[in-house]
Amino acid sequence: MNDCDRVSEIHLYHDGELPPAEARRVEQHLDGCAACAAELGRLRALSQALAADKPALSPEALARIRRAADAARYAGVSRLLRRLTAAAAVVLLGAGGTLMYRSTRPSGPGAALVVWERAAAGQRPVAASQPAAEQLQLAQWIVNDLSPKVDR
């Protein structure tokens, strides 16, 4: 900034707002005051930059602004893609878990039942898959334990 107390006059002089007599006094002051002359030079350079067709920013600054604008534009798209990817992963894991569960369980009318399932359904094990006595006793214990208690 300028150390001279006549800075406001320099701004008025640059803008053409001083009467002719006062403008001449400022011109005489500018001949002897380097700080005010430098301030007037800065004001003129700023005015020329604003009036020119070219932007006042350097090419590097313009490139940074363009990159930031592109990043902001695609930030929403990127956020949406991350959420869709997470949702697809949840669906994939759920479907995989369901398929794994179904592949470990027998299905269909002729599927082999586990011993305790046969006992719970009131079926006797078939001769080809006759369980050991321990398994049959365990199945009967489970059925008895899970059956409702009726007082007689």
N, C-alpha and C. Protein backbone atom coordinates (compact mmCIF):
# COMPACT_ATOMS: atom_id res chain seq x y z
N MET A 1 0.85 -1.18 0.00
CA MET A 1 0.00 0.00 0.00
C MET A 1 0.88 1.23 0.00
N ASN A 2 0.30 2.34 -0.18
CA ASN A 2 0.99 3.61 -0.32
C ASN A 2 1.11 4.28 1.05
N ASP A 3 2.32 4.84 1.34
CA ASP A 3 2.54 5.53 2.60
C ASP A 3 2.10 7.00 2.54
N CYS A 4 1.83 7.50 1.38
CA CYS A 4 1.46 8.90 1.20
C CYS A 4 0.00 9.11 1.61
N ASP A 5 -0.31 10.27 2.16
CA ASP A 5 -1.67 10.56 2.60
C ASP A 5 -2.56 11.07 1.47
N ARG A 6 -2.07 11.08 0.25
CA ARG A 6 -2.85 11.58 -0.88
C ARG A 6 -3.35 10.45 -1.78
N VAL A 7 -3.43 9.22 -1.25
CA VAL A 7 -3.85 8.05 -2.04
C VAL A 7 -5.26 8.23 -2.57
N SER A 8 -6.14 8.75 -1.77
CA SER A 8 -7.52 8.93 -2.23
C SER A 8 -7.58 9.87 -3.43
N GLU A 9 -6.71 10.85 -3.46
CA GLU A 9 -6.66 11.75 -4.61
C GLU A 9 -6.18 11.02 -5.86
N ILE A 10 -5.27 10.05 -5.70
CA ILE A 10 -4.76 9.28 -6.84
C ILE A 10 -5.91 8.47 -7.45
N HIS A 11 -6.74 7.88 -6.61
CA HIS A 11 -7.89 7.11 -7.09
C HIS A 11 -8.87 8.02 -7.83
N LEU A 12 -9.14 9.17 -7.27
CA LEU A 12 -10.05 10.13 -7.94
C LEU A 12 -9.45 10.62 -9.26
N TYR A 13 -8.14 10.87 -9.25
CA TYR A 13 -7.45 11.32 -10.47
C TYR A 13 -7.56 10.24 -11.55
N HIS A 14 -7.31 8.98 -11.18
CA HIS A 14 -7.39 7.88 -12.13
C HIS A 14 -8.79 7.75 -12.71
N ASP A 15 -9.79 7.96 -11.89
CA ASP A 15 -11.17 7.82 -12.34
C ASP A 15 -11.67 9.06 -13.09
N GLY A 16 -10.87 10.12 -13.13
CA GLY A 16 -11.27 11.34 -13.83
C GLY A 16 -12.31 12.15 -13.09
N GLU A 17 -12.32 12.07 -11.79
CA GLU A 17 -13.34 12.73 -10.98
C GLU A 17 -12.84 14.03 -10.33
N LEU A 18 -11.64 14.48 -10.65
CA LEU A 18 -11.11 15.72 -10.05
C LEU A 18 -11.34 16.90 -11.00
N PRO A 19 -11.58 18.06 -10.42
CA PRO A 19 -11.65 19.27 -11.27
C PRO A 19 -10.27 19.51 -11.91
N PRO A 20 -10.21 20.22 -13.05
CA PRO A 20 -8.94 20.39 -13.77
C PRO A 20 -7.82 20.99 -12.90
N ALA A 21 -8.12 21.96 -12.07
CA ALA A 21 -7.07 22.60 -11.26
C ALA A 21 -6.48 21.59 -10.28
N GLU A 22 -7.32 20.81 -9.66
CA GLU A 22 -6.82 19.82 -8.69
C GLU A 22 -6.12 18.68 -9.41
N ALA A 23 -6.58 18.31 -10.59
CA ALA A 23 -5.91 17.27 -11.36
C ALA A 23 -4.48 17.67 -11.68
N ARG A 24 -4.25 18.96 -12.02
CA ARG A 24 -2.89 19.44 -12.30
C ARG A 24 -2.02 19.33 -11.04
N ARG A 25 -2.57 19.64 -9.86
CA ARG A 25 -1.80 19.53 -8.60
C ARG A 25 -1.39 18.07 -8.35
N VAL A 26 -2.31 17.12 -8.63
CA VAL A 26 -2.00 15.70 -8.44
C VAL A 26 -0.91 15.27 -9.41
N GLU A 27 -0.96 15.79 -10.66
CA GLU A 27 0.07 15.46 -11.63
C GLU A 27 1.44 15.95 -11.16
N GLN A 28 1.48 17.15 -10.60
CA GLN A 28 2.74 17.68 -10.07
C GLN A 28 3.22 16.82 -8.89
N HIS A 29 2.29 16.37 -8.06
CA HIS A 29 2.64 15.51 -6.92
C HIS A 29 3.19 14.17 -7.43
N LEU A 30 2.59 13.64 -8.49
CA LEU A 30 3.03 12.34 -9.03
C LEU A 30 4.48 12.43 -9.52
N ASP A 31 4.92 13.60 -10.02
CA ASP A 31 6.29 13.75 -10.49
C ASP A 31 7.28 13.59 -9.34
N GLY A 32 6.90 13.93 -8.13
CA GLY A 32 7.83 13.89 -7.00
C GLY A 32 7.58 12.74 -6.04
N CYS A 33 6.49 11.99 -6.17
CA CYS A 33 6.15 10.92 -5.20
C CYS A 33 6.13 9.57 -5.92
N ALA A 34 7.14 8.77 -5.67
CA ALA A 34 7.23 7.46 -6.32
C ALA A 34 6.13 6.52 -5.86
N ALA A 35 5.73 6.60 -4.61
CA ALA A 35 4.69 5.71 -4.08
C ALA A 35 3.35 5.97 -4.77
N CYS A 36 3.00 7.25 -4.94
CA CYS A 36 1.74 7.58 -5.61
C CYS A 36 1.80 7.23 -7.10
N ALA A 37 2.97 7.41 -7.72
CA ALA A 37 3.13 7.04 -9.13
C ALA A 37 2.96 5.53 -9.30
N ALA A 38 3.50 4.75 -8.36
CA ALA A 38 3.36 3.29 -8.41
C ALA A 38 1.89 2.89 -8.22
N GLU A 39 1.21 3.55 -7.32
CA GLU A 39 -0.22 3.26 -7.09
C GLU A 39 -1.02 3.55 -8.35
N LEU A 40 -0.73 4.68 -9.02
CA LEU A 40 -1.42 5.01 -10.26
C LEU A 40 -1.11 3.96 -11.33
N GLY A 41 0.11 3.48 -11.37
CA GLY A 41 0.48 2.42 -12.32
C GLY A 41 -0.30 1.14 -12.06
N ARG A 42 -0.47 0.77 -10.80
CA ARG A 42 -1.26 -0.42 -10.45
C ARG A 42 -2.72 -0.24 -10.85
N LEU A 43 -3.26 0.92 -10.61
CA LEU A 43 -4.66 1.17 -10.99
C LEU A 43 -4.84 1.08 -12.50
N ARG A 44 -3.89 1.65 -13.25
CA ARG A 44 -3.99 1.58 -14.71
C ARG A 44 -3.86 0.16 -15.22
N ALA A 45 -2.95 -0.61 -14.65
CA ALA A 45 -2.78 -2.02 -15.06
C ALA A 45 -4.04 -2.83 -14.76
N LEU A 46 -4.64 -2.56 -13.63
CA LEU A 46 -5.88 -3.26 -13.28
C LEU A 46 -6.99 -2.89 -14.25
N SER A 47 -7.10 -1.64 -14.59
CA SER A 47 -8.13 -1.19 -15.52
C SER A 47 -7.93 -1.82 -16.89
N GLN A 48 -6.67 -1.90 -17.35
CA GLN A 48 -6.39 -2.52 -18.64
C GLN A 48 -6.71 -4.00 -18.62
N ALA A 49 -6.40 -4.67 -17.53
CA ALA A 49 -6.68 -6.11 -17.43
C ALA A 49 -8.18 -6.37 -17.46
N LEU A 50 -8.94 -5.52 -16.80
CA LEU A 50 -10.39 -5.70 -16.79
C LEU A 50 -11.01 -5.36 -18.13
N ALA A 51 -10.41 -4.43 -18.85
CA ALA A 51 -10.96 -4.03 -20.14
C ALA A 51 -10.53 -4.96 -21.27
N ALA A 52 -9.47 -5.71 -21.09
CA ALA A 52 -8.94 -6.58 -22.16
C ALA A 52 -9.85 -7.78 -22.36
N ASP A 53 -9.75 -8.35 -23.56
CA ASP A 53 -10.50 -9.58 -23.86
C ASP A 53 -9.92 -10.79 -23.15
N LYS A 54 -8.63 -10.76 -22.87
CA LYS A 54 -7.97 -11.87 -22.22
C LYS A 54 -8.21 -11.81 -20.71
N PRO A 55 -8.34 -12.98 -20.08
CA PRO A 55 -8.50 -12.97 -18.62
C PRO A 55 -7.21 -12.53 -17.94
N ALA A 56 -7.35 -11.98 -16.75
CA ALA A 56 -6.19 -11.49 -16.00
C ALA A 56 -5.46 -12.62 -15.28
N LEU A 57 -5.99 -13.84 -15.34
CA LEU A 57 -5.37 -14.96 -14.64
C LEU A 57 -4.34 -15.64 -15.53
N SER A 58 -3.36 -16.24 -14.90
CA SER A 58 -2.33 -16.96 -15.63
C SER A 58 -2.92 -18.26 -16.18
N PRO A 59 -2.28 -18.85 -17.19
CA PRO A 59 -2.78 -20.13 -17.72
C PRO A 59 -2.80 -21.23 -16.66
N GLU A 60 -1.84 -21.21 -15.74
CA GLU A 60 -1.81 -22.21 -14.68
C GLU A 60 -3.02 -22.05 -13.75
N ALA A 61 -3.34 -20.80 -13.44
CA ALA A 61 -4.49 -20.55 -12.56
C ALA A 61 -5.78 -20.98 -13.25
N LEU A 62 -5.90 -20.68 -14.54
CA LEU A 62 -7.10 -21.10 -15.28
C LEU A 62 -7.20 -22.63 -15.33
N ALA A 63 -6.07 -23.30 -15.51
CA ALA A 63 -6.08 -24.77 -15.53
C ALA A 63 -6.53 -25.33 -14.18
N ARG A 64 -6.06 -24.72 -13.07
CA ARG A 64 -6.49 -25.18 -11.73
C ARG A 64 -7.98 -24.98 -11.54
N ILE A 65 -8.50 -23.86 -12.02
CA ILE A 65 -9.93 -23.58 -11.89
C ILE A 65 -10.74 -24.59 -12.69
N ARG A 66 -10.28 -24.89 -13.89
CA ARG A 66 -10.99 -25.88 -14.73
C ARG A 66 -10.98 -27.26 -14.08
N ARG A 67 -9.81 -27.66 -13.52
CA ARG A 67 -9.74 -28.96 -12.85
C ARG A 67 -10.68 -29.02 -11.65
N ALA A 68 -10.73 -27.94 -10.88
CA ALA A 68 -11.62 -27.90 -9.71
C ALA A 68 -13.08 -27.96 -10.14
N ALA A 69 -13.42 -27.28 -11.23
CA ALA A 69 -14.80 -27.31 -11.72
C ALA A 69 -15.17 -28.71 -12.20
N ASP A 70 -14.25 -29.37 -12.91
CA ASP A 70 -14.50 -30.74 -13.36
C ASP A 70 -14.66 -31.69 -12.18
N ALA A 71 -13.81 -31.53 -11.18
CA ALA A 71 -13.89 -32.39 -9.99
C ALA A 71 -15.22 -32.19 -9.28
N ALA A 72 -15.67 -30.95 -9.17
CA ALA A 72 -16.95 -30.68 -8.51
C ALA A 72 -18.11 -31.25 -9.32
N ARG A 73 -18.00 -31.18 -10.65
CA ARG A 73 -19.07 -31.68 -11.52
C ARG A 73 -19.22 -33.19 -11.37
N TYR A 74 -18.09 -33.89 -11.30
CA TYR A 74 -18.14 -35.35 -11.25
C TYR A 74 -18.17 -35.91 -9.84
N ALA A 75 -18.13 -35.07 -8.82
CA ALA A 75 -18.18 -35.56 -7.44
C ALA A 75 -19.53 -36.21 -7.15
N GLY A 76 -20.61 -35.62 -7.64
CA GLY A 76 -21.93 -36.20 -7.43
C GLY A 76 -22.08 -37.53 -8.14
N VAL A 77 -21.57 -37.63 -9.35
CA VAL A 77 -21.63 -38.88 -10.11
C VAL A 77 -20.81 -39.95 -9.40
N SER A 78 -19.65 -39.57 -8.91
CA SER A 78 -18.79 -40.51 -8.21
C SER A 78 -19.46 -41.03 -6.94
N ARG A 79 -20.11 -40.13 -6.20
CA ARG A 79 -20.82 -40.52 -4.98
C ARG A 79 -21.95 -41.50 -5.31
N LEU A 80 -22.69 -41.24 -6.38
CA LEU A 80 -23.78 -42.12 -6.79
C LEU A 80 -23.24 -43.49 -7.19
N LEU A 81 -22.13 -43.52 -7.93
CA LEU A 81 -21.55 -44.80 -8.33
C LEU A 81 -21.07 -45.61 -7.14
N ARG A 82 -20.50 -44.95 -6.13
CA ARG A 82 -20.08 -45.67 -4.92
C ARG A 82 -21.28 -46.29 -4.22
N ARG A 83 -22.38 -45.54 -4.14
CA ARG A 83 -23.57 -46.08 -3.47
C ARG A 83 -24.17 -47.24 -4.25
N LEU A 84 -24.21 -47.12 -5.57
CA LEU A 84 -24.73 -48.21 -6.39
C LEU A 84 -23.85 -49.45 -6.28
N THR A 85 -22.55 -49.26 -6.20
CA THR A 85 -21.63 -50.38 -6.04
C THR A 85 -21.87 -51.08 -4.70
N ALA A 86 -22.06 -50.30 -3.66
CA ALA A 86 -22.33 -50.89 -2.34
C ALA A 86 -23.65 -51.66 -2.36
N ALA A 87 -24.68 -51.10 -3.00
CA ALA A 87 -25.97 -51.80 -3.07
C ALA A 87 -25.84 -53.09 -3.87
N ALA A 88 -25.08 -53.05 -4.97
CA ALA A 88 -24.88 -54.27 -5.77
C ALA A 88 -24.13 -55.33 -4.96
N ALA A 89 -23.17 -54.91 -4.15
CA ALA A 89 -22.43 -55.86 -3.31
C ALA A 89 -23.36 -56.51 -2.29
N VAL A 90 -24.26 -55.74 -1.70
CA VAL A 90 -25.20 -56.29 -0.72
C VAL A 90 -26.12 -57.31 -1.39
N VAL A 91 -26.63 -56.97 -2.56
CA VAL A 91 -27.51 -57.90 -3.29
C VAL A 91 -26.75 -59.16 -3.66
N LEU A 92 -25.52 -59.02 -4.14
CA LEU A 92 -24.72 -60.17 -4.52
C LEU A 92 -24.43 -61.07 -3.33
N LEU A 93 -24.07 -60.48 -2.18
CA LEU A 93 -23.82 -61.28 -0.99
C LEU A 93 -25.09 -61.98 -0.50
N GLY A 94 -26.21 -61.28 -0.55
CA GLY A 94 -27.47 -61.90 -0.14
C GLY A 94 -27.85 -63.06 -1.04
N ALA A 95 -27.71 -62.87 -2.35
CA ALA A 95 -28.04 -63.95 -3.29
C ALA A 95 -27.09 -65.13 -3.12
N GLY A 96 -25.80 -64.83 -2.91
CA GLY A 96 -24.83 -65.91 -2.70
C GLY A 96 -25.13 -66.69 -1.43
N GLY A 97 -25.48 -65.97 -0.36
CA GLY A 97 -25.83 -66.65 0.89
C GLY A 97 -27.07 -67.51 0.74
N THR A 98 -28.07 -66.99 0.02
CA THR A 98 -29.28 -67.78 -0.20
C THR A 98 -28.98 -69.02 -1.01
N LEU A 99 -28.18 -68.90 -2.04
CA LEU A 99 -27.83 -70.07 -2.85
C LEU A 99 -27.03 -71.09 -2.06
N MET A 100 -26.12 -70.60 -1.21
CA MET A 100 -25.34 -71.53 -0.40
C MET A 100 -26.24 -72.25 0.61
N TYR A 101 -27.19 -71.54 1.20
CA TYR A 101 -28.10 -72.15 2.16
C TYR A 101 -28.95 -73.21 1.48
N ARG A 102 -29.47 -72.87 0.33
CA ARG A 102 -30.34 -73.82 -0.39
C ARG A 102 -29.56 -75.03 -0.89
N SER A 103 -28.29 -74.85 -1.24
CA SER A 103 -27.52 -75.98 -1.74
C SER A 103 -27.16 -76.95 -0.62
N THR A 104 -27.14 -76.51 0.63
CA THR A 104 -26.83 -77.41 1.74
C THR A 104 -28.07 -78.09 2.29
N ARG A 105 -29.25 -77.61 1.93
CA ARG A 105 -30.51 -78.20 2.41
C ARG A 105 -31.08 -79.10 1.34
N PRO A 106 -31.51 -80.27 1.71
CA PRO A 106 -32.18 -81.13 0.72
C PRO A 106 -33.50 -80.51 0.32
N SER A 107 -33.85 -80.67 -0.93
CA SER A 107 -35.12 -80.11 -1.40
C SER A 107 -35.84 -81.15 -2.23
N GLY A 108 -37.10 -80.91 -2.42
CA GLY A 108 -37.92 -81.83 -3.21
C GLY A 108 -38.60 -82.86 -2.34
N PRO A 109 -39.60 -83.59 -2.89
CA PRO A 109 -40.38 -84.54 -2.08
C PRO A 109 -39.58 -85.75 -1.65
N GLY A 110 -38.59 -86.18 -2.42
CA GLY A 110 -37.85 -87.39 -2.06
C GLY A 110 -36.54 -87.09 -1.36
N ALA A 111 -36.35 -85.88 -0.91
CA ALA A 111 -35.08 -85.51 -0.29
C ALA A 111 -34.93 -86.19 1.06
N ALA A 112 -33.71 -86.56 1.35
CA ALA A 112 -33.44 -87.23 2.62
C ALA A 112 -33.55 -86.23 3.76
N LEU A 113 -34.27 -86.62 4.79
CA LEU A 113 -34.41 -85.77 5.96
C LEU A 113 -33.41 -86.18 7.02
N VAL A 114 -33.02 -85.24 7.81
CA VAL A 114 -32.14 -85.52 8.92
C VAL A 114 -32.96 -86.33 9.94
N VAL A 115 -32.27 -87.12 10.75
CA VAL A 115 -32.93 -88.02 11.68
C VAL A 115 -33.92 -87.28 12.57
N TRP A 116 -33.50 -86.17 13.15
CA TRP A 116 -34.40 -85.47 14.06
C TRP A 116 -35.60 -84.89 13.33
N GLU A 117 -35.42 -84.55 12.03
CA GLU A 117 -36.56 -84.05 11.27
C GLU A 117 -37.58 -85.16 11.04
N ARG A 118 -37.08 -86.38 10.78
CA ARG A 118 -38.00 -87.52 10.60
C ARG A 118 -38.75 -87.80 11.90
N ALA A 119 -38.00 -87.76 13.01
CA ALA A 119 -38.64 -88.04 14.29
C ALA A 119 -39.65 -86.97 14.64
N ALA A 120 -39.34 -85.71 14.33
CA ALA A 120 -40.26 -84.62 14.63
C ALA A 120 -41.52 -84.72 13.77
N ALA A 121 -41.38 -85.24 12.58
CA ALA A 121 -42.53 -85.37 11.70
C ALA A 121 -43.32 -86.65 12.01
N GLY A 122 -42.81 -87.47 12.93
CA GLY A 122 -43.51 -88.68 13.32
C GLY A 122 -43.23 -89.84 12.39
N GLN A 123 -42.20 -89.73 11.57
CA GLN A 123 -41.85 -90.81 10.65
C GLN A 123 -40.76 -91.67 11.27
N ARG A 124 -40.82 -92.94 10.94
CA ARG A 124 -39.76 -93.85 11.36
C ARG A 124 -38.70 -93.84 10.28
N PRO A 125 -37.44 -93.88 10.63
CA PRO A 125 -36.39 -93.92 9.62
C PRO A 125 -36.53 -95.12 8.72
N VAL A 126 -36.26 -94.95 7.44
CA VAL A 126 -36.34 -96.06 6.48
C VAL A 126 -35.17 -96.99 6.72
N ALA A 127 -35.32 -98.23 6.30
CA ALA A 127 -34.32 -99.26 6.61
C ALA A 127 -32.96 -98.96 5.98
N ALA A 128 -32.94 -98.38 4.79
CA ALA A 128 -31.67 -98.13 4.11
C ALA A 128 -30.83 -97.09 4.84
N SER A 129 -31.50 -96.18 5.51
CA SER A 129 -30.75 -95.15 6.22
C SER A 129 -31.02 -95.23 7.71
N GLN A 130 -31.05 -96.46 8.24
CA GLN A 130 -31.34 -96.68 9.66
C GLN A 130 -30.25 -96.03 10.49
N PRO A 131 -30.63 -95.07 11.38
CA PRO A 131 -29.61 -94.41 12.19
C PRO A 131 -29.17 -95.30 13.34
N ALA A 132 -28.08 -94.95 13.88
CA ALA A 132 -27.58 -95.67 15.04
C ALA A 132 -28.53 -95.42 16.20
N ALA A 133 -28.50 -96.27 17.19
CA ALA A 133 -29.39 -96.17 18.35
C ALA A 133 -29.20 -94.83 19.06
N GLU A 134 -27.98 -94.33 19.14
CA GLU A 134 -27.73 -93.06 19.81
C GLU A 134 -28.45 -91.91 19.11
N GLN A 135 -28.38 -91.93 17.78
CA GLN A 135 -29.02 -90.85 17.02
C GLN A 135 -30.54 -90.90 17.17
N LEU A 136 -31.08 -92.12 17.16
CA LEU A 136 -32.52 -92.26 17.32
C LEU A 136 -32.95 -91.81 18.71
N GLN A 137 -32.17 -92.15 19.73
CA GLN A 137 -32.48 -91.73 21.09
C GLN A 137 -32.39 -90.20 21.21
N LEU A 138 -31.39 -89.60 20.60
CA LEU A 138 -31.24 -88.15 20.62
C LEU A 138 -32.42 -87.48 19.92
N ALA A 139 -32.84 -88.03 18.79
CA ALA A 139 -33.97 -87.46 18.06
C ALA A 139 -35.25 -87.56 18.89
N GLN A 140 -35.45 -88.70 19.56
CA GLN A 140 -36.63 -88.85 20.39
C GLN A 140 -36.61 -87.87 21.56
N TRP A 141 -35.42 -87.64 22.13
CA TRP A 141 -35.29 -86.69 23.23
C TRP A 141 -35.65 -85.27 22.76
N ILE A 142 -35.19 -84.89 21.56
CA ILE A 142 -35.50 -83.57 21.02
C ILE A 142 -37.01 -83.42 20.81
N VAL A 143 -37.62 -84.46 20.23
CA VAL A 143 -39.06 -84.39 19.98
C VAL A 143 -39.81 -84.30 21.30
N ASN A 144 -39.44 -85.10 22.26
CA ASN A 144 -40.11 -85.05 23.56
C ASN A 144 -39.93 -83.70 24.25
N ASP A 145 -38.74 -83.13 24.12
CA ASP A 145 -38.46 -81.86 24.76
C ASP A 145 -39.23 -80.71 24.11
N LEU A 146 -39.45 -80.79 22.81
CA LEU A 146 -40.13 -79.72 22.11
C LEU A 146 -41.64 -79.91 22.07
N SER A 147 -42.14 -81.07 22.43
CA SER A 147 -43.58 -81.29 22.40
C SER A 147 -44.24 -80.56 23.55
N PRO A 148 -45.47 -80.07 23.33
CA PRO A 148 -46.17 -79.38 24.42
C PRO A 148 -46.49 -80.36 25.55
N LYS A 149 -46.38 -79.91 26.75
CA LYS A 149 -46.62 -80.73 27.93
C LYS A 149 -48.12 -80.69 28.25
N VAL A 150 -48.70 -81.85 28.38
CA VAL A 150 -50.12 -81.93 28.73
C VAL A 150 -50.24 -82.68 30.05
N ASP A 151 -50.87 -82.05 31.01
CA ASP A 151 -51.08 -82.68 32.32
C ASP A 151 -52.31 -83.58 32.25
N ARG A 152 -52.18 -84.82 32.75
CA ARG A 152 -53.32 -85.74 32.72
C ARG A 152 -53.89 -85.94 34.05
